[in-house]
Amino acid sequence: MLLTPTRVTLHWLQVGHCRHPEWITLRGGRWGAAKFPSLSALIMHPSHGPILYDTGYADHFEKETRAFPYKLYRLTTPAALPAEERLGAQLAQRGVALDTIARVFISHLHADHVAGLRDLPRARFTALRDDVAGNLGRSGMDAVRRGFLPGLLPPDFRARLDFADDLPVVDLGARWAPFARGYDLLGDRSLIGIPLPGHSPAQLGILLWTEDGPVLLAADACWSTRAWQECRLPSVLARPLFHDWGQYRRTLAGLHELGTRSPQLRILPSHCETAWASFQRPLHA
């Protein structure tokens, strides 16, 4: 049972974006192309300092997708990274330097979530073991099909990697059902790692508390607020992009159940422009 968790300050950053027809990501969505931000969370912890959840895009993405077959990733997911959206620029605005980030929690290893890892020379990385095992060692078309670009990872990635699965397990209790257990990511229950399987071999969400209430960083467990609110799946054409479609359906249904029952909980998908815009307006404003 969670008791008075440490509160943190959350900055939800848009680090590049891409464009897709909305109907592919949401059944019944618009036929026209919609903007999908690539979001990264800067978490300011009172004891541990600045922490990142994912990194969004970086210049490394363009470099790694110049040649075939990795170029196919960029052609199917055209990305943009304006100067003002670069991670380093946004961190600097908040008084944080790239080389002061000591920890990055990785939701999963898809390129739009890890493209900036090489820019964080002092950071250690935390991910779920099955996601790492399901991607490392893959290359070429085998990697592209999984949204993984091996060249984005630092050469010493394995040496700097810790597994969330090895951390103490937290019983979440009835309040957070159907999500029953999580991982105490920092040892003070301020950040609880929540497995959100289906989109990738394993996906790490984070439950945390701000002054405005609880937040669930949901990564790609859904691609929009509308998706979890209406329990609406992507188009069947997107199905090959998912590691386990059945698990994804169950995770999405779980978010719908939890979010409907707990209106005070903010569920933040990593590619939802509506969620990003709403988060810029605090609940107490």
Foldseek 3Di string as FASTA:
>chain_A
DDDPFAAKDKDKAFFWWWWDQVQQQFPVGHRDIDIWTQIKIFIQGPPPGTEIEFQFADPQLVVLLPDPPSVVLCVNTPIDGDPCRHRQNVCVVVVDHLQVHAEYEYFAAACRRQQCVVSRVRYAYEYAPQRCVQAPPDDHPRNVLQNHRVVSAPPCNVVRYDYQVPADKDQPPPLLPPQGIFGCPPPRNQWTWTWQAKQGSIGTWIWHAHPQGIEIADEPLGREPVCLCVVTGGDPVCVSNIPHNVSSSVSSPSSNVNCVVCVSYHYHYRTYPVSNVVVVPRPVD
